[in-house]
Amino acid sequence: MDTFAARGYNNASLQEIADRAGVTQAGVLHYFRSKAQLLTSVLALRDETDIEALGPDRPRGLAFLRHLVDTVRRNTEREGIVRLYAVLSAESVTEGHPAQDYFRDRYAGLRAMITEALAEASELGETRPDLNLEDAATAVIAVMDGLQVQWLLAPDSVDMTAATDRVITALLANLTAKGT
């Protein structure tokens, strides 16, 4: 994780990864057939860690949006993972990047999860029924990702948790307001 986070996929060497893990390069390739498979395994581990932290039942409706603020708070204690995600997600837009499908699927899954939570909120009467939920979900993800990059560049100047909370609170006010 540290090597990919610091150098990106293309500049990370299997030798450096092996050295950090205390094994030979052949040892790394014994467990992961290629550097690309190692990368996707690292990303899958990151997601599994977040899913485990969520527990067996994710919050429903608007409580899920509040959960996202808690996720950001937790991320401020995991700079390496945040850096890994920021570097590799941006890098994955390049042609032929091995994590491109992973990030495309991940963003689609995140949009679906947030859209589902917003739909639940509407069904529970927590929000207005006349909303474009996918646009709201896309905006939440964009804010969270943008704040991660700003925080990584200026951790003493950017309060990622407070800014996310402010945006989620404003979104909730908009989603629950009467009228258009």
N, C-alpha and C. Protein backbone atom coordinates (compact mmCIF):
# COMPACT_ATOMS: atom_id res chain seq x y z
N MET A 1 0.83 -1.19 0.00
CA MET A 1 0.00 0.00 0.00
C MET A 1 0.87 1.25 0.00
N ASP A 2 1.89 1.25 0.86
CA ASP A 2 2.74 2.44 0.97
C ASP A 2 3.46 2.76 -0.34
N THR A 3 3.96 1.74 -1.00
CA THR A 3 4.69 1.96 -2.24
C THR A 3 3.77 2.47 -3.34
N PHE A 4 2.62 1.85 -3.51
CA PHE A 4 1.68 2.33 -4.52
C PHE A 4 1.19 3.74 -4.18
N ALA A 5 0.97 4.02 -2.90
CA ALA A 5 0.50 5.34 -2.49
C ALA A 5 1.56 6.41 -2.76
N ALA A 6 2.81 6.08 -2.52
CA ALA A 6 3.88 7.06 -2.67
C ALA A 6 4.30 7.25 -4.13
N ARG A 7 4.25 6.18 -4.92
CA ARG A 7 4.81 6.24 -6.26
C ARG A 7 3.81 6.07 -7.40
N GLY A 8 2.59 5.65 -7.06
CA GLY A 8 1.64 5.33 -8.12
C GLY A 8 1.97 3.95 -8.67
N TYR A 9 1.09 3.46 -9.50
CA TYR A 9 1.27 2.11 -10.05
C TYR A 9 2.49 2.04 -10.96
N ASN A 10 2.59 2.97 -11.89
CA ASN A 10 3.63 2.88 -12.92
C ASN A 10 5.04 3.05 -12.35
N ASN A 11 5.20 3.85 -11.31
CA ASN A 11 6.53 4.08 -10.76
C ASN A 11 6.88 3.17 -9.60
N ALA A 12 5.93 2.41 -9.10
CA ALA A 12 6.22 1.47 -8.01
C ALA A 12 6.93 0.25 -8.60
N SER A 13 7.99 -0.18 -7.93
CA SER A 13 8.70 -1.37 -8.43
C SER A 13 8.38 -2.56 -7.54
N LEU A 14 8.32 -3.72 -8.17
CA LEU A 14 8.13 -4.94 -7.39
C LEU A 14 9.28 -5.16 -6.42
N GLN A 15 10.47 -4.73 -6.81
CA GLN A 15 11.63 -4.89 -5.91
C GLN A 15 11.43 -4.09 -4.63
N GLU A 16 10.98 -2.84 -4.75
CA GLU A 16 10.75 -2.03 -3.55
C GLU A 16 9.64 -2.64 -2.69
N ILE A 17 8.60 -3.12 -3.33
CA ILE A 17 7.50 -3.76 -2.59
C ILE A 17 8.02 -4.99 -1.86
N ALA A 18 8.82 -5.79 -2.55
CA ALA A 18 9.40 -7.00 -1.92
C ALA A 18 10.29 -6.62 -0.74
N ASP A 19 11.12 -5.59 -0.93
CA ASP A 19 12.00 -5.15 0.15
C ASP A 19 11.20 -4.71 1.38
N ARG A 20 10.14 -3.95 1.16
CA ARG A 20 9.31 -3.48 2.28
C ARG A 20 8.60 -4.64 2.97
N ALA A 21 8.25 -5.67 2.20
CA ALA A 21 7.55 -6.82 2.77
C ALA A 21 8.52 -7.83 3.39
N GLY A 22 9.81 -7.65 3.14
CA GLY A 22 10.80 -8.57 3.70
C GLY A 22 10.86 -9.90 2.96
N VAL A 23 10.52 -9.89 1.68
CA VAL A 23 10.59 -11.10 0.86
C VAL A 23 11.32 -10.76 -0.43
N THR A 24 11.56 -11.78 -1.23
CA THR A 24 12.19 -11.54 -2.52
C THR A 24 11.11 -11.15 -3.54
N GLN A 25 11.56 -10.62 -4.66
CA GLN A 25 10.62 -10.29 -5.73
C GLN A 25 9.92 -11.56 -6.22
N ALA A 26 10.63 -12.66 -6.28
CA ALA A 26 10.02 -13.94 -6.65
C ALA A 26 8.96 -14.34 -5.63
N GLY A 27 9.21 -14.03 -4.36
CA GLY A 27 8.23 -14.33 -3.32
C GLY A 27 6.94 -13.55 -3.52
N VAL A 28 7.06 -12.29 -3.89
CA VAL A 28 5.86 -11.48 -4.18
C VAL A 28 5.10 -12.11 -5.34
N LEU A 29 5.84 -12.48 -6.39
CA LEU A 29 5.19 -13.05 -7.58
C LEU A 29 4.64 -14.45 -7.34
N HIS A 30 5.11 -15.10 -6.29
CA HIS A 30 4.54 -16.40 -5.93
C HIS A 30 3.09 -16.22 -5.46
N TYR A 31 2.84 -15.16 -4.70
CA TYR A 31 1.50 -14.91 -4.17
C TYR A 31 0.63 -14.09 -5.12
N PHE A 32 1.25 -13.25 -5.92
CA PHE A 32 0.53 -12.41 -6.88
C PHE A 32 1.21 -12.58 -8.23
N ARG A 33 0.46 -13.10 -9.20
CA ARG A 33 1.05 -13.44 -10.49
C ARG A 33 1.68 -12.26 -11.21
N SER A 34 1.21 -11.05 -10.88
CA SER A 34 1.72 -9.87 -11.58
C SER A 34 1.58 -8.65 -10.68
N LYS A 35 2.22 -7.60 -11.08
CA LYS A 35 2.11 -6.34 -10.37
C LYS A 35 0.66 -5.84 -10.43
N ALA A 36 0.00 -6.05 -11.56
CA ALA A 36 -1.41 -5.64 -11.70
C ALA A 36 -2.30 -6.40 -10.72
N GLN A 37 -2.07 -7.70 -10.55
CA GLN A 37 -2.87 -8.47 -9.60
C GLN A 37 -2.58 -8.03 -8.16
N LEU A 38 -1.35 -7.70 -7.86
CA LEU A 38 -1.01 -7.18 -6.54
C LEU A 38 -1.76 -5.87 -6.29
N LEU A 39 -1.79 -5.00 -7.28
CA LEU A 39 -2.51 -3.73 -7.14
C LEU A 39 -3.99 -3.96 -6.85
N THR A 40 -4.64 -4.79 -7.64
CA THR A 40 -6.07 -5.01 -7.43
C THR A 40 -6.32 -5.69 -6.09
N SER A 41 -5.39 -6.51 -5.62
CA SER A 41 -5.53 -7.14 -4.30
C SER A 41 -5.41 -6.10 -3.18
N VAL A 42 -4.50 -5.16 -3.35
CA VAL A 42 -4.35 -4.09 -2.37
C VAL A 42 -5.64 -3.26 -2.30
N LEU A 43 -6.21 -2.94 -3.45
CA LEU A 43 -7.45 -2.16 -3.49
C LEU A 43 -8.61 -2.94 -2.87
N ALA A 44 -8.67 -4.23 -3.15
CA ALA A 44 -9.73 -5.06 -2.57
C ALA A 44 -9.59 -5.11 -1.04
N LEU A 45 -8.36 -5.19 -0.55
CA LEU A 45 -8.12 -5.20 0.90
C LEU A 45 -8.61 -3.89 1.52
N ARG A 46 -8.37 -2.78 0.85
CA ARG A 46 -8.84 -1.49 1.35
C ARG A 46 -10.36 -1.50 1.48
N ASP A 47 -11.04 -1.99 0.48
CA ASP A 47 -12.51 -2.04 0.53
C ASP A 47 -13.01 -2.98 1.61
N GLU A 48 -12.37 -4.13 1.74
CA GLU A 48 -12.78 -5.10 2.77
C GLU A 48 -12.64 -4.49 4.16
N THR A 49 -11.59 -3.72 4.38
CA THR A 49 -11.38 -3.06 5.67
C THR A 49 -12.52 -2.09 5.96
N ASP A 50 -12.91 -1.31 4.95
CA ASP A 50 -14.00 -0.35 5.14
C ASP A 50 -15.34 -1.05 5.36
N ILE A 51 -15.57 -2.14 4.66
CA ILE A 51 -16.83 -2.88 4.82
C ILE A 51 -16.90 -3.50 6.21
N GLU A 52 -15.78 -4.04 6.70
CA GLU A 52 -15.75 -4.60 8.05
C GLU A 52 -16.05 -3.53 9.09
N ALA A 53 -15.54 -2.32 8.88
CA ALA A 53 -15.78 -1.22 9.82
C ALA A 53 -17.26 -0.82 9.84
N LEU A 54 -17.93 -1.01 8.72
CA LEU A 54 -19.35 -0.66 8.62
C LEU A 54 -20.21 -1.61 9.45
N GLY A 55 -19.75 -2.83 9.59
CA GLY A 55 -20.52 -3.81 10.35
C GLY A 55 -21.52 -4.53 9.47
N PRO A 56 -22.31 -5.41 10.09
CA PRO A 56 -23.22 -6.24 9.29
C PRO A 56 -24.39 -5.48 8.65
N ASP A 57 -24.80 -4.38 9.26
CA ASP A 57 -25.93 -3.63 8.72
C ASP A 57 -25.52 -2.19 8.49
N ARG A 58 -25.63 -1.75 7.26
CA ARG A 58 -25.31 -0.35 7.01
C ARG A 58 -26.47 0.51 7.45
N PRO A 59 -26.17 1.75 7.84
CA PRO A 59 -27.25 2.66 8.22
C PRO A 59 -28.19 2.89 7.03
N ARG A 60 -29.44 3.14 7.31
CA ARG A 60 -30.46 3.34 6.28
C ARG A 60 -30.86 4.80 6.18
N GLY A 61 -31.34 5.18 5.01
CA GLY A 61 -31.85 6.53 4.80
C GLY A 61 -30.78 7.58 5.05
N LEU A 62 -31.21 8.69 5.64
CA LEU A 62 -30.29 9.80 5.87
C LEU A 62 -29.18 9.45 6.86
N ALA A 63 -29.40 8.44 7.69
CA ALA A 63 -28.35 8.01 8.61
C ALA A 63 -27.11 7.55 7.84
N PHE A 64 -27.30 7.05 6.62
CA PHE A 64 -26.15 6.63 5.83
C PHE A 64 -25.30 7.84 5.45
N LEU A 65 -25.92 8.97 5.13
CA LEU A 65 -25.15 10.16 4.80
C LEU A 65 -24.35 10.63 6.02
N ARG A 66 -24.92 10.53 7.20
CA ARG A 66 -24.19 10.87 8.42
C ARG A 66 -23.03 9.89 8.64
N HIS A 67 -23.25 8.64 8.26
CA HIS A 67 -22.19 7.64 8.36
C HIS A 67 -20.99 8.04 7.50
N LEU A 68 -21.25 8.66 6.37
CA LEU A 68 -20.15 9.09 5.49
C LEU A 68 -19.23 10.09 6.20
N VAL A 69 -19.80 10.94 7.03
CA VAL A 69 -18.98 11.88 7.80
C VAL A 69 -18.08 11.11 8.76
N ASP A 70 -18.61 10.05 9.38
CA ASP A 70 -17.80 9.21 10.26
C ASP A 70 -16.69 8.52 9.48
N THR A 71 -16.98 8.13 8.25
CA THR A 71 -15.96 7.51 7.40
C THR A 71 -14.82 8.48 7.15
N VAL A 72 -15.16 9.72 6.85
CA VAL A 72 -14.14 10.74 6.61
C VAL A 72 -13.31 10.95 7.88
N ARG A 73 -13.96 11.00 9.02
CA ARG A 73 -13.25 11.15 10.30
C ARG A 73 -12.25 10.00 10.47
N ARG A 74 -12.67 8.80 10.16
CA ARG A 74 -11.78 7.63 10.26
C ARG A 74 -10.63 7.75 9.25
N ASN A 75 -10.92 8.30 8.07
CA ASN A 75 -9.88 8.44 7.05
C ASN A 75 -8.78 9.41 7.46
N THR A 76 -9.09 10.37 8.32
CA THR A 76 -8.05 11.30 8.77
C THR A 76 -6.98 10.60 9.60
N GLU A 77 -7.28 9.40 10.04
CA GLU A 77 -6.33 8.61 10.81
C GLU A 77 -5.63 7.56 9.94
N ARG A 78 -5.94 7.57 8.63
CA ARG A 78 -5.37 6.57 7.72
C ARG A 78 -4.82 7.25 6.47
N GLU A 79 -3.84 8.13 6.67
CA GLU A 79 -3.32 8.91 5.55
C GLU A 79 -2.81 8.03 4.41
N GLY A 80 -2.15 6.93 4.74
CA GLY A 80 -1.60 6.07 3.70
C GLY A 80 -2.68 5.50 2.80
N ILE A 81 -3.78 5.08 3.38
CA ILE A 81 -4.88 4.51 2.58
C ILE A 81 -5.55 5.60 1.76
N VAL A 82 -5.71 6.79 2.35
CA VAL A 82 -6.31 7.90 1.61
C VAL A 82 -5.42 8.27 0.42
N ARG A 83 -4.11 8.32 0.66
CA ARG A 83 -3.17 8.64 -0.41
C ARG A 83 -3.21 7.57 -1.50
N LEU A 84 -3.23 6.31 -1.09
CA LEU A 84 -3.32 5.20 -2.05
C LEU A 84 -4.53 5.39 -2.96
N TYR A 85 -5.67 5.61 -2.36
CA TYR A 85 -6.90 5.76 -3.12
C TYR A 85 -6.83 6.98 -4.04
N ALA A 86 -6.37 8.11 -3.52
CA ALA A 86 -6.33 9.34 -4.32
C ALA A 86 -5.38 9.20 -5.51
N VAL A 87 -4.21 8.66 -5.26
CA VAL A 87 -3.22 8.51 -6.33
C VAL A 87 -3.72 7.53 -7.40
N LEU A 88 -4.17 6.37 -6.95
CA LEU A 88 -4.53 5.33 -7.91
C LEU A 88 -5.84 5.63 -8.63
N SER A 89 -6.79 6.27 -7.97
CA SER A 89 -8.05 6.60 -8.66
C SER A 89 -7.78 7.61 -9.76
N ALA A 90 -6.94 8.61 -9.49
CA ALA A 90 -6.61 9.59 -10.53
C ALA A 90 -5.79 8.95 -11.64
N GLU A 91 -4.84 8.14 -11.27
CA GLU A 91 -3.98 7.48 -12.24
C GLU A 91 -4.76 6.50 -13.12
N SER A 92 -5.85 5.95 -12.60
CA SER A 92 -6.61 4.93 -13.32
C SER A 92 -7.33 5.46 -14.55
N VAL A 93 -7.41 6.77 -14.71
CA VAL A 93 -8.07 7.31 -15.90
C VAL A 93 -7.18 7.22 -17.13
N THR A 94 -5.92 6.83 -16.95
CA THR A 94 -5.02 6.72 -18.09
C THR A 94 -5.27 5.42 -18.85
N GLU A 95 -4.98 5.47 -20.12
CA GLU A 95 -5.25 4.33 -20.99
C GLU A 95 -4.51 3.07 -20.54
N GLY A 96 -5.26 1.98 -20.41
CA GLY A 96 -4.67 0.69 -20.10
C GLY A 96 -4.29 0.49 -18.63
N HIS A 97 -4.68 1.39 -17.76
CA HIS A 97 -4.32 1.24 -16.34
C HIS A 97 -5.00 0.00 -15.78
N PRO A 98 -4.29 -0.84 -15.02
CA PRO A 98 -4.88 -2.09 -14.53
C PRO A 98 -6.01 -1.91 -13.51
N ALA A 99 -6.12 -0.73 -12.91
CA ALA A 99 -7.18 -0.52 -11.92
C ALA A 99 -8.36 0.27 -12.49
N GLN A 100 -8.36 0.51 -13.78
CA GLN A 100 -9.44 1.32 -14.37
C GLN A 100 -10.81 0.68 -14.17
N ASP A 101 -10.94 -0.59 -14.45
CA ASP A 101 -12.23 -1.27 -14.25
C ASP A 101 -12.61 -1.28 -12.77
N TYR A 102 -11.64 -1.49 -11.91
CA TYR A 102 -11.90 -1.48 -10.47
C TYR A 102 -12.53 -0.15 -10.06
N PHE A 103 -11.90 0.96 -10.44
CA PHE A 103 -12.42 2.26 -10.03
C PHE A 103 -13.73 2.60 -10.72
N ARG A 104 -13.88 2.22 -11.95
CA ARG A 104 -15.17 2.44 -12.64
C ARG A 104 -16.28 1.71 -11.89
N ASP A 105 -16.03 0.45 -11.54
CA ASP A 105 -17.03 -0.34 -10.80
C ASP A 105 -17.24 0.21 -9.39
N ARG A 106 -16.17 0.65 -8.76
CA ARG A 106 -16.27 1.16 -7.40
C ARG A 106 -17.13 2.43 -7.37
N TYR A 107 -16.88 3.34 -8.30
CA TYR A 107 -17.69 4.56 -8.34
C TYR A 107 -19.15 4.24 -8.65
N ALA A 108 -19.38 3.32 -9.54
CA ALA A 108 -20.77 2.92 -9.83
C ALA A 108 -21.41 2.33 -8.59
N GLY A 109 -20.68 1.52 -7.85
CA GLY A 109 -21.21 0.93 -6.63
C GLY A 109 -21.47 1.96 -5.54
N LEU A 110 -20.55 2.93 -5.39
CA LEU A 110 -20.76 3.99 -4.41
C LEU A 110 -21.98 4.84 -4.76
N ARG A 111 -22.09 5.20 -6.05
CA ARG A 111 -23.26 5.98 -6.48
C ARG A 111 -24.54 5.20 -6.20
N ALA A 112 -24.53 3.90 -6.48
CA ALA A 112 -25.72 3.08 -6.24
C ALA A 112 -26.03 3.00 -4.75
N MET A 113 -25.02 2.86 -3.91
CA MET A 113 -25.24 2.74 -2.47
C MET A 113 -25.83 4.05 -1.91
N ILE A 114 -25.27 5.18 -2.31
CA ILE A 114 -25.77 6.46 -1.81
C ILE A 114 -27.15 6.75 -2.39
N THR A 115 -27.36 6.43 -3.67
CA THR A 115 -28.67 6.62 -4.29
C THR A 115 -29.71 5.77 -3.56
N GLU A 116 -29.35 4.54 -3.23
CA GLU A 116 -30.27 3.66 -2.49
C GLU A 116 -30.62 4.24 -1.13
N ALA A 117 -29.61 4.77 -0.43
CA ALA A 117 -29.87 5.37 0.88
C ALA A 117 -30.79 6.58 0.74
N LEU A 118 -30.60 7.38 -0.31
CA LEU A 118 -31.47 8.54 -0.53
C LEU A 118 -32.89 8.10 -0.89
N ALA A 119 -33.01 7.02 -1.66
CA ALA A 119 -34.34 6.49 -1.99
C ALA A 119 -35.02 5.98 -0.72
N GLU A 120 -34.25 5.32 0.14
CA GLU A 120 -34.81 4.87 1.42
C GLU A 120 -35.30 6.07 2.23
N ALA A 121 -34.51 7.14 2.23
CA ALA A 121 -34.90 8.34 2.97
C ALA A 121 -36.21 8.91 2.43
N SER A 122 -36.36 8.87 1.13
CA SER A 122 -37.61 9.35 0.53
C SER A 122 -38.78 8.46 0.94
N GLU A 123 -38.58 7.15 0.91
CA GLU A 123 -39.63 6.21 1.31
C GLU A 123 -40.00 6.36 2.78
N LEU A 124 -39.02 6.72 3.60
CA LEU A 124 -39.26 6.92 5.03
C LEU A 124 -39.84 8.30 5.33
N GLY A 125 -40.00 9.12 4.28
CA GLY A 125 -40.52 10.47 4.47
C GLY A 125 -39.48 11.44 4.99
N GLU A 126 -38.19 11.07 4.90
CA GLU A 126 -37.12 11.94 5.38
C GLU A 126 -36.73 13.00 4.36
N THR A 127 -37.05 12.76 3.09
CA THR A 127 -36.71 13.72 2.03
C THR A 127 -37.91 13.89 1.10
N ARG A 128 -37.79 14.91 0.26
CA ARG A 128 -38.81 15.14 -0.76
C ARG A 128 -38.73 14.03 -1.81
N PRO A 129 -39.84 13.67 -2.40
CA PRO A 129 -39.82 12.61 -3.41
C PRO A 129 -39.42 13.11 -4.81
N ASP A 130 -39.24 14.42 -5.01
CA ASP A 130 -39.03 14.98 -6.34
C ASP A 130 -37.56 15.24 -6.66
N LEU A 131 -36.67 14.43 -6.15
CA LEU A 131 -35.25 14.69 -6.26
C LEU A 131 -34.57 13.80 -7.30
N ASN A 132 -33.48 14.33 -7.88
CA ASN A 132 -32.63 13.51 -8.73
C ASN A 132 -31.57 12.90 -7.82
N LEU A 133 -31.81 11.70 -7.37
CA LEU A 133 -30.97 11.07 -6.36
C LEU A 133 -29.57 10.76 -6.87
N GLU A 134 -29.45 10.37 -8.14
CA GLU A 134 -28.13 10.03 -8.67
C GLU A 134 -27.23 11.26 -8.73
N ASP A 135 -27.80 12.42 -9.07
CA ASP A 135 -27.00 13.65 -9.07
C ASP A 135 -26.50 13.96 -7.66
N ALA A 136 -27.37 13.80 -6.68
CA ALA A 136 -26.97 14.05 -5.29
C ALA A 136 -25.86 13.08 -4.87
N ALA A 137 -25.99 11.82 -5.24
CA ALA A 137 -24.97 10.82 -4.90
C ALA A 137 -23.64 11.16 -5.57
N THR A 138 -23.68 11.55 -6.82
CA THR A 138 -22.46 11.93 -7.54
C THR A 138 -21.79 13.12 -6.88
N ALA A 139 -22.58 14.09 -6.45
CA ALA A 139 -22.03 15.29 -5.80
C ALA A 139 -21.37 14.94 -4.47
N VAL A 140 -21.97 14.07 -3.69
CA VAL A 140 -21.39 13.67 -2.40
C VAL A 140 -20.03 13.02 -2.63
N ILE A 141 -19.95 12.12 -3.59
CA ILE A 141 -18.67 11.44 -3.87
C ILE A 141 -17.63 12.44 -4.36
N ALA A 142 -18.03 13.36 -5.21
CA ALA A 142 -17.09 14.37 -5.73
C ALA A 142 -16.53 15.23 -4.61
N VAL A 143 -17.38 15.63 -3.68
CA VAL A 143 -16.92 16.44 -2.55
C VAL A 143 -15.94 15.63 -1.70
N MET A 144 -16.29 14.41 -1.39
CA MET A 144 -15.43 13.60 -0.54
C MET A 144 -14.07 13.36 -1.19
N ASP A 145 -14.05 13.04 -2.47
CA ASP A 145 -12.78 12.79 -3.16
C ASP A 145 -11.96 14.07 -3.28
N GLY A 146 -12.61 15.17 -3.60
CA GLY A 146 -11.90 16.44 -3.72
C GLY A 146 -11.29 16.88 -2.40
N LEU A 147 -12.02 16.68 -1.32
CA LEU A 147 -11.50 17.03 0.00
C LEU A 147 -10.30 16.16 0.38
N GLN A 148 -10.32 14.91 -0.05
CA GLN A 148 -9.18 14.04 0.25
C GLN A 148 -7.90 14.59 -0.38
N VAL A 149 -8.00 15.01 -1.62
CA VAL A 149 -6.81 15.54 -2.30
C VAL A 149 -6.35 16.82 -1.61
N GLN A 150 -7.28 17.73 -1.31
CA GLN A 150 -6.90 18.97 -0.63
C GLN A 150 -6.27 18.69 0.73
N TRP A 151 -6.83 17.74 1.47
CA TRP A 151 -6.30 17.39 2.79
C TRP A 151 -4.90 16.81 2.67
N LEU A 152 -4.68 15.94 1.68
CA LEU A 152 -3.35 15.35 1.51
C LEU A 152 -2.31 16.42 1.20
N LEU A 153 -2.70 17.45 0.46
CA LEU A 153 -1.77 18.51 0.10
C LEU A 153 -1.56 19.53 1.21
N ALA A 154 -2.56 19.71 2.08
CA ALA A 154 -2.47 20.72 3.14
C ALA A 154 -3.22 20.24 4.38
N PRO A 155 -2.72 19.20 5.05
CA PRO A 155 -3.46 18.62 6.18
C PRO A 155 -3.70 19.59 7.33
N ASP A 156 -2.84 20.58 7.50
CA ASP A 156 -3.03 21.55 8.58
C ASP A 156 -4.03 22.64 8.22
N SER A 157 -4.36 22.75 6.94
CA SER A 157 -5.26 23.81 6.49
C SER A 157 -6.66 23.31 6.15
N VAL A 158 -6.81 22.03 5.90
CA VAL A 158 -8.09 21.48 5.46
C VAL A 158 -8.63 20.53 6.52
N ASP A 159 -9.79 20.87 7.05
CA ASP A 159 -10.48 19.98 7.99
C ASP A 159 -11.48 19.17 7.18
N MET A 160 -11.03 18.03 6.74
CA MET A 160 -11.82 17.18 5.85
C MET A 160 -13.14 16.77 6.50
N THR A 161 -13.12 16.46 7.77
CA THR A 161 -14.34 16.03 8.46
C THR A 161 -15.33 17.17 8.55
N ALA A 162 -14.89 18.35 8.98
CA ALA A 162 -15.79 19.49 9.13
C ALA A 162 -16.36 19.91 7.78
N ALA A 163 -15.54 19.91 6.74
CA ALA A 163 -16.02 20.30 5.42
C ALA A 163 -17.04 19.29 4.88
N THR A 164 -16.78 18.01 5.09
CA THR A 164 -17.74 17.00 4.65
C THR A 164 -19.04 17.15 5.42
N ASP A 165 -18.94 17.36 6.72
CA ASP A 165 -20.14 17.55 7.54
C ASP A 165 -20.94 18.76 7.06
N ARG A 166 -20.27 19.84 6.73
CA ARG A 166 -20.96 21.04 6.24
C ARG A 166 -21.71 20.75 4.94
N VAL A 167 -21.06 20.06 4.03
CA VAL A 167 -21.70 19.75 2.75
C VAL A 167 -22.86 18.78 2.94
N ILE A 168 -22.68 17.74 3.74
CA ILE A 168 -23.76 16.78 4.00
C ILE A 168 -24.93 17.49 4.68
N THR A 169 -24.64 18.37 5.64
CA THR A 169 -25.70 19.12 6.32
C THR A 169 -26.46 20.01 5.33
N ALA A 170 -25.74 20.67 4.44
CA ALA A 170 -26.39 21.52 3.42
C ALA A 170 -27.22 20.66 2.47
N LEU A 171 -26.68 19.52 2.08
CA LEU A 171 -27.43 18.63 1.19
C LEU A 171 -28.70 18.13 1.89
N LEU A 172 -28.58 17.75 3.14
CA LEU A 172 -29.75 17.29 3.89
C LEU A 172 -30.79 18.39 4.00
N ALA A 173 -30.34 19.62 4.23
CA ALA A 173 -31.29 20.74 4.32
C ALA A 173 -32.02 20.90 2.99
N ASN A 174 -31.28 20.75 1.89
CA ASN A 174 -31.90 20.85 0.56
C ASN A 174 -32.84 19.69 0.30
N LEU A 175 -32.44 18.51 0.70
CA LEU A 175 -33.26 17.31 0.44
C LEU A 175 -34.54 17.27 1.27
N THR A 176 -34.50 17.93 2.42
CA THR A 176 -35.67 17.89 3.30
C THR A 176 -36.53 19.13 3.20
N ALA A 177 -36.06 20.17 2.50
CA ALA A 177 -36.81 21.41 2.37
C ALA A 177 -38.07 21.19 1.55
N LYS A 178 -39.10 21.91 1.90
CA LYS A 178 -40.35 21.83 1.14
C LYS A 178 -40.19 22.64 -0.14
N GLY A 179 -40.82 22.24 -1.19
CA GLY A 179 -40.75 22.96 -2.47
C GLY A 179 -39.57 22.51 -3.29
N THR A 180 -39.24 23.30 -4.31
CA THR A 180 -38.14 22.93 -5.21
C THR A 180 -36.93 23.76 -4.95
